[in-house]
Protein backbone atom coordinates (compact mmCIF):
# COMPACT_ATOMS: atom_id res chain seq x y z
CA MET A 1 -36.08 -8.17 2.59
CA ARG A 2 -32.59 -6.83 1.83
CA THR A 3 -32.03 -4.32 -0.91
CA ALA A 4 -28.87 -3.35 -2.75
CA ASP A 5 -28.53 -0.34 -0.42
CA ASP A 6 -28.16 -2.66 2.57
CA GLU A 7 -25.11 -4.44 1.15
CA ILE A 8 -21.71 -4.03 2.73
CA TRP A 9 -18.65 -5.32 1.00
CA VAL A 10 -16.01 -6.66 3.35
CA PRO A 11 -12.67 -7.82 1.91
CA VAL A 12 -10.80 -10.69 3.48
CA THR A 13 -7.01 -10.43 3.46
CA ILE A 14 -4.74 -13.06 4.87
CA ASN A 15 -1.02 -12.44 5.32
CA LEU A 16 0.87 -15.61 5.88
CA PRO A 17 4.50 -15.61 7.05
CA LEU A 18 6.95 -17.07 4.58
CA GLY A 19 8.70 -19.03 7.32
CA LEU A 20 12.15 -18.86 8.78
CA THR A 21 15.32 -20.36 7.51
CA LYS A 22 16.28 -23.34 9.66
CA GLY A 23 19.97 -22.33 9.81
CA MET A 24 19.26 -18.73 10.79
CA ASN A 25 21.34 -17.54 13.68
CA PRO A 26 20.64 -14.20 15.38
CA GLY A 27 24.38 -13.48 15.46
CA ASP A 28 24.50 -13.60 11.66
CA CYS A 29 21.84 -10.96 11.26
CA ALA A 30 22.18 -7.20 11.16
CA PRO A 31 21.94 -5.42 14.52
CA LEU A 32 18.35 -4.92 15.59
CA SER A 33 18.83 -1.18 15.93
CA LEU A 34 19.47 -0.92 12.16
CA LEU A 35 16.27 -2.76 11.32
CA VAL A 36 13.77 -1.18 13.71
CA GLY A 37 13.43 2.08 11.75
CA PRO A 38 12.78 0.54 8.32
CA PHE A 39 10.45 -2.09 9.76
CA MET A 40 8.44 0.61 11.56
CA ILE A 41 8.12 2.59 8.34
CA ILE A 42 6.91 -0.51 6.48
CA MET A 43 4.46 -1.29 9.24
CA LEU A 44 3.06 2.25 9.33
CA ALA A 45 2.80 2.47 5.54
CA GLN A 46 1.05 -0.87 5.24
CA THR A 47 -1.19 -0.09 8.19
CA GLY A 48 -2.27 3.05 6.36
CA ASN A 49 -3.31 0.98 3.34
CA THR A 50 -4.87 -1.74 5.45
CA VAL A 51 -6.93 0.68 7.53
CA LEU A 52 -8.52 1.97 4.33
CA VAL A 53 -9.70 -1.49 3.22
CA PRO A 54 -12.84 -1.61 5.44
CA VAL A 55 -13.53 2.11 4.93
CA ILE A 56 -13.54 2.12 1.12
CA PRO A 57 -16.86 0.26 0.78
CA PHE A 58 -18.55 3.07 2.69
CA LEU A 59 -16.82 5.73 0.59
CA VAL A 60 -17.93 3.97 -2.60
CA LYS A 61 -21.45 3.59 -1.25
CA ASP A 62 -21.61 7.29 -0.33
CA VAL A 63 -20.97 8.30 -3.96
CA GLY A 64 -23.64 5.86 -5.18
CA ALA A 65 -21.35 3.39 -6.90
CA SER A 66 -21.65 -0.39 -7.02
CA ALA A 67 -19.64 -3.33 -5.74
CA VAL A 68 -17.86 -3.45 -9.09
CA ALA A 69 -16.49 0.04 -8.42
CA TYR A 70 -15.22 -1.13 -5.05
CA GLY A 71 -13.44 -4.08 -6.66
CA MET A 72 -11.97 -1.76 -9.27
CA LEU A 73 -10.65 0.59 -6.57
CA GLN A 74 -9.04 -2.27 -4.68
CA SER A 75 -7.37 -3.70 -7.77
CA THR A 76 -6.24 -0.27 -8.98
CA LEU A 77 -3.90 0.18 -6.00
CA TRP A 78 -2.27 -3.24 -6.41
CA THR A 79 -2.05 -2.98 -10.20
CA SER A 80 -0.40 0.44 -10.04
CA GLN A 81 2.06 -0.87 -7.46
CA THR A 82 2.98 -3.81 -9.65
CA VAL A 83 3.40 -1.69 -12.78
CA LEU A 84 5.27 1.16 -11.10
CA SER A 85 7.57 -0.87 -8.84
CA PRO A 86 10.32 -1.12 -11.53
CA VAL A 87 10.14 2.63 -12.00
CA LEU A 88 10.79 3.22 -8.29
CA GLY A 89 13.62 0.70 -8.42
CA TRP A 90 15.20 2.52 -11.37
CA LEU A 91 14.77 5.86 -9.64
CA SER A 92 16.31 4.56 -6.41
CA ASP A 93 19.30 3.29 -8.37
CA ARG A 94 19.71 6.77 -9.86
CA ILE A 95 19.29 9.04 -6.85
CA GLY A 96 19.51 6.68 -3.89
CA ARG A 97 17.20 4.51 -1.80
CA ARG A 98 16.56 6.83 1.13
CA PRO A 99 15.37 9.85 -0.92
CA VAL A 100 13.08 7.61 -2.98
CA ILE A 101 11.69 5.93 0.14
CA LEU A 102 10.96 9.36 1.64
CA LEU A 103 9.37 10.51 -1.64
CA SER A 104 7.29 7.37 -1.93
CA LEU A 105 6.00 7.78 1.63
CA LEU A 106 4.95 11.36 0.89
CA VAL A 107 3.28 10.31 -2.40
CA SER A 108 1.42 7.53 -0.60
CA ALA A 109 0.21 9.98 2.04
CA ALA A 110 -0.91 12.38 -0.67
CA GLY A 111 -2.84 9.58 -2.34
CA ASN A 112 -4.60 8.71 0.88
CA ILE A 113 -5.51 12.37 1.47
CA ALA A 114 -6.79 12.63 -2.11
CA LEU A 115 -8.93 9.53 -1.48
CA GLY A 116 -10.43 11.17 1.58
CA LEU A 117 -11.31 14.28 -0.45
CA ALA A 118 -12.63 12.42 -3.51
CA HIS A 119 -16.31 12.86 -4.43
CA THR A 120 -16.53 10.53 -7.44
CA VAL A 121 -15.32 7.04 -8.24
CA ALA A 122 -13.02 8.46 -10.93
CA MET A 123 -11.35 10.74 -8.38
CA MET A 124 -11.04 7.78 -6.01
CA ALA A 125 -9.37 5.70 -8.76
CA VAL A 126 -6.87 8.47 -9.41
CA ALA A 127 -6.17 8.70 -5.68
CA ARG A 128 -5.57 4.93 -5.51
CA VAL A 129 -3.13 5.13 -8.43
CA ILE A 130 -1.30 7.94 -6.60
CA SER A 131 -1.20 5.75 -3.49
CA GLY A 132 0.20 2.96 -5.64
CA LEU A 133 3.05 5.20 -6.66
CA GLY A 134 4.20 5.10 -3.05
CA PHE A 135 5.05 1.39 -3.01
CA GLN A 136 7.76 0.99 -0.41
CA ILE A 137 8.14 -2.79 -0.05
CA ALA A 138 10.29 -3.23 -3.14
CA LEU A 139 12.46 -0.31 -2.09
CA PHE A 140 12.98 -1.75 1.38
CA ARG A 141 13.88 -5.15 -0.08
CA ALA A 142 16.66 -3.50 -2.03
CA TYR A 143 17.62 -1.41 1.01
CA PHE A 144 17.91 -4.53 3.18
CA ALA A 145 19.86 -6.36 0.45
CA GLU A 146 22.50 -3.65 0.45
């Protein structure tokens, strides 16, 4: 018979492509060399967040919390990103996109380190909010638009 201690929470995330424009011509796009760096940064930053998804249930279980705490930790990151995205946009308009992108990457790394060092669910929630401060996708959208 299974007990609550035997439970493992596994999130399912599906990323679907938005599709390509039918009239898109490679000659009309920016040179590939200008896009490789930013795309690599996005990939590494999102990989850092994605790698944590299957690990967080074990971290939550180690501190003796429930599945509700796991759900709260997952939603905390996305909620903080949604709320703080306009702040990063405003800041990038003030001091420039590149410094804010670098700052957001450092903040995101600090949040992931804080999550690794957390010993309570409250500390984990704070770490996830810090990680949410480092939301780079909105910044890169503006960077590409320019």
